[in-house]
């Protein structure tokens, strides 16, 4: 993933840094490990479509 705020690229967000909403499980957001910006996780179908068209 790439953070739209700071431009940091990361594989998986650090769930321990995310303290925004208080949800412990099944949160659909990820936090950038660099700046803490919250991103909505991309749906698996969207990821599949992106992979299909990158061929």
N, C-alpha and C. Protein backbone atom coordinates (compact mmCIF):
# COMPACT_ATOMS: atom_id res chain seq x y z
N UNK A 1 0.83 -1.18 0.00
CA UNK A 1 0.00 0.00 0.00
C UNK A 1 0.87 1.24 0.00
N UNK A 2 0.32 2.31 -0.50
CA UNK A 2 1.03 3.57 -0.48
C UNK A 2 0.13 4.60 0.22
N UNK A 3 0.68 5.27 1.20
CA UNK A 3 -0.06 6.28 1.95
C UNK A 3 -0.26 7.53 1.08
N UNK A 4 -1.51 7.99 0.89
CA UNK A 4 -1.73 9.18 0.07
C UNK A 4 -1.28 10.47 0.75
N UNK A 5 -1.09 10.43 2.06
CA UNK A 5 -0.69 11.63 2.78
C UNK A 5 0.81 11.86 2.76
N UNK A 6 1.59 10.84 3.14
CA UNK A 6 3.04 11.03 3.23
C UNK A 6 3.82 10.32 2.12
N UNK A 7 3.16 9.42 1.36
CA UNK A 7 3.83 8.72 0.28
C UNK A 7 4.60 7.48 0.71
N UNK A 8 4.54 7.13 1.98
CA UNK A 8 5.24 5.95 2.48
C UNK A 8 4.61 4.69 1.90
N UNK A 9 5.44 3.75 1.44
CA UNK A 9 4.96 2.48 0.93
C UNK A 9 5.20 1.41 1.98
N UNK A 10 4.16 0.60 2.24
CA UNK A 10 4.26 -0.45 3.26
C UNK A 10 3.42 -1.63 2.84
N UNK A 11 3.78 -2.81 3.33
CA UNK A 11 3.05 -4.04 3.00
C UNK A 11 1.80 -4.19 3.85
N UNK A 12 1.95 -4.18 5.14
CA UNK A 12 0.82 -4.35 6.04
C UNK A 12 0.94 -3.31 7.15
N UNK A 13 -0.17 -2.69 7.44
CA UNK A 13 -0.15 -1.67 8.48
C UNK A 13 0.04 -2.29 9.85
N UNK A 14 0.56 -1.52 10.76
CA UNK A 14 0.77 -1.94 12.13
C UNK A 14 -0.52 -1.67 12.91
N UNK A 15 -1.31 -2.73 13.18
CA UNK A 15 -2.58 -2.56 13.86
C UNK A 15 -2.42 -2.01 15.27
N UNK A 16 -1.26 -2.19 15.87
CA UNK A 16 -1.04 -1.72 17.23
C UNK A 16 -1.00 -0.20 17.30
N UNK A 17 -0.62 0.49 16.23
CA UNK A 17 -0.56 1.95 16.23
C UNK A 17 -1.93 2.59 16.09
N UNK A 18 -2.88 1.86 15.50
CA UNK A 18 -4.20 2.42 15.23
C UNK A 18 -4.99 2.49 16.52
N UNK A 19 -5.37 3.68 16.92
CA UNK A 19 -6.12 3.87 18.16
C UNK A 19 -7.36 4.72 17.95
N UNK A 20 -7.73 4.95 16.70
CA UNK A 20 -8.81 5.88 16.39
C UNK A 20 -10.17 5.53 16.93
N UNK A 21 -10.77 4.42 16.48
CA UNK A 21 -12.17 4.15 16.79
C UNK A 21 -12.36 3.25 17.99
N UNK A 22 -11.36 2.51 18.41
CA UNK A 22 -11.49 1.60 19.54
C UNK A 22 -11.92 0.20 19.17
N UNK A 23 -12.19 -0.06 17.89
CA UNK A 23 -12.54 -1.42 17.46
C UNK A 23 -11.29 -2.29 17.54
N UNK A 24 -11.46 -3.47 18.09
CA UNK A 24 -10.31 -4.36 18.21
C UNK A 24 -10.22 -5.35 17.06
N UNK A 25 -11.35 -5.79 16.54
CA UNK A 25 -11.36 -6.78 15.45
C UNK A 25 -12.24 -6.29 14.31
N UNK A 26 -11.95 -6.80 13.13
CA UNK A 26 -12.75 -6.55 11.93
C UNK A 26 -12.84 -5.08 11.54
N UNK A 27 -11.84 -4.33 11.82
CA UNK A 27 -11.80 -2.93 11.39
C UNK A 27 -11.42 -2.92 9.91
N UNK A 28 -12.08 -2.10 9.12
CA UNK A 28 -11.77 -2.07 7.69
C UNK A 28 -10.81 -0.93 7.35
N UNK A 29 -10.09 -0.45 8.33
CA UNK A 29 -9.12 0.61 8.09
C UNK A 29 -7.73 0.13 8.43
N UNK A 30 -6.73 0.74 7.81
CA UNK A 30 -5.33 0.50 8.14
C UNK A 30 -4.69 1.84 8.43
N UNK A 31 -3.74 1.84 9.32
CA UNK A 31 -3.01 3.06 9.65
C UNK A 31 -1.61 3.00 9.04
N UNK A 32 -1.20 4.11 8.45
CA UNK A 32 0.15 4.22 7.92
C UNK A 32 1.12 4.16 9.10
N UNK A 33 2.12 3.28 9.03
CA UNK A 33 3.08 3.19 10.13
C UNK A 33 3.98 4.43 10.24
N UNK A 34 4.05 5.24 9.20
CA UNK A 34 4.89 6.42 9.22
C UNK A 34 4.19 7.63 9.83
N UNK A 35 2.97 7.94 9.35
CA UNK A 35 2.30 9.16 9.80
C UNK A 35 1.01 8.92 10.57
N UNK A 36 0.49 7.67 10.57
CA UNK A 36 -0.72 7.36 11.30
C UNK A 36 -2.01 7.65 10.54
N UNK A 37 -1.92 8.03 9.27
CA UNK A 37 -3.09 8.31 8.46
C UNK A 37 -3.91 7.03 8.28
N UNK A 38 -5.23 7.12 8.47
CA UNK A 38 -6.09 5.95 8.35
C UNK A 38 -6.57 5.77 6.91
N UNK A 39 -6.34 4.57 6.38
CA UNK A 39 -6.75 4.22 5.02
C UNK A 39 -7.80 3.13 5.10
N UNK A 40 -8.77 3.14 4.21
CA UNK A 40 -9.74 2.06 4.13
C UNK A 40 -9.10 0.93 3.32
N UNK A 41 -9.20 -0.29 3.85
CA UNK A 41 -8.64 -1.44 3.15
C UNK A 41 -9.39 -1.65 1.85
N UNK A 42 -8.65 -2.05 0.84
CA UNK A 42 -9.23 -2.32 -0.46
C UNK A 42 -9.89 -3.69 -0.45
N UNK A 43 -11.09 -3.77 -1.01
CA UNK A 43 -11.82 -5.04 -1.06
C UNK A 43 -11.05 -6.04 -1.92
N UNK A 44 -11.19 -7.32 -1.59
CA UNK A 44 -10.47 -8.37 -2.32
C UNK A 44 -10.85 -8.42 -3.79
N UNK A 45 -12.09 -8.14 -4.11
CA UNK A 45 -12.51 -8.14 -5.51
C UNK A 45 -11.79 -7.04 -6.29
N UNK A 46 -11.59 -5.90 -5.67
CA UNK A 46 -10.88 -4.79 -6.31
C UNK A 46 -9.41 -5.19 -6.52
N UNK A 47 -8.82 -5.84 -5.52
CA UNK A 47 -7.43 -6.29 -5.65
C UNK A 47 -7.31 -7.29 -6.80
N UNK A 48 -8.29 -8.20 -6.92
CA UNK A 48 -8.26 -9.18 -8.01
C UNK A 48 -8.36 -8.51 -9.37
N UNK A 49 -9.23 -7.52 -9.47
CA UNK A 49 -9.39 -6.79 -10.74
C UNK A 49 -8.11 -6.06 -11.11
N UNK A 50 -7.47 -5.43 -10.11
CA UNK A 50 -6.21 -4.73 -10.38
C UNK A 50 -5.14 -5.71 -10.88
N UNK A 51 -5.05 -6.88 -10.23
CA UNK A 51 -4.06 -7.88 -10.66
C UNK A 51 -4.35 -8.38 -12.06
N UNK A 52 -5.63 -8.56 -12.38
CA UNK A 52 -6.02 -9.06 -13.70
C UNK A 52 -5.62 -8.09 -14.80
N UNK A 53 -5.82 -6.80 -14.58
CA UNK A 53 -5.53 -5.82 -15.62
C UNK A 53 -4.06 -5.37 -15.65
N UNK A 54 -3.26 -5.77 -14.66
CA UNK A 54 -1.83 -5.44 -14.69
C UNK A 54 -1.04 -6.39 -15.59
N UNK A 55 -1.67 -7.49 -15.99
CA UNK A 55 -0.99 -8.50 -16.82
C UNK A 55 -0.32 -7.88 -17.95
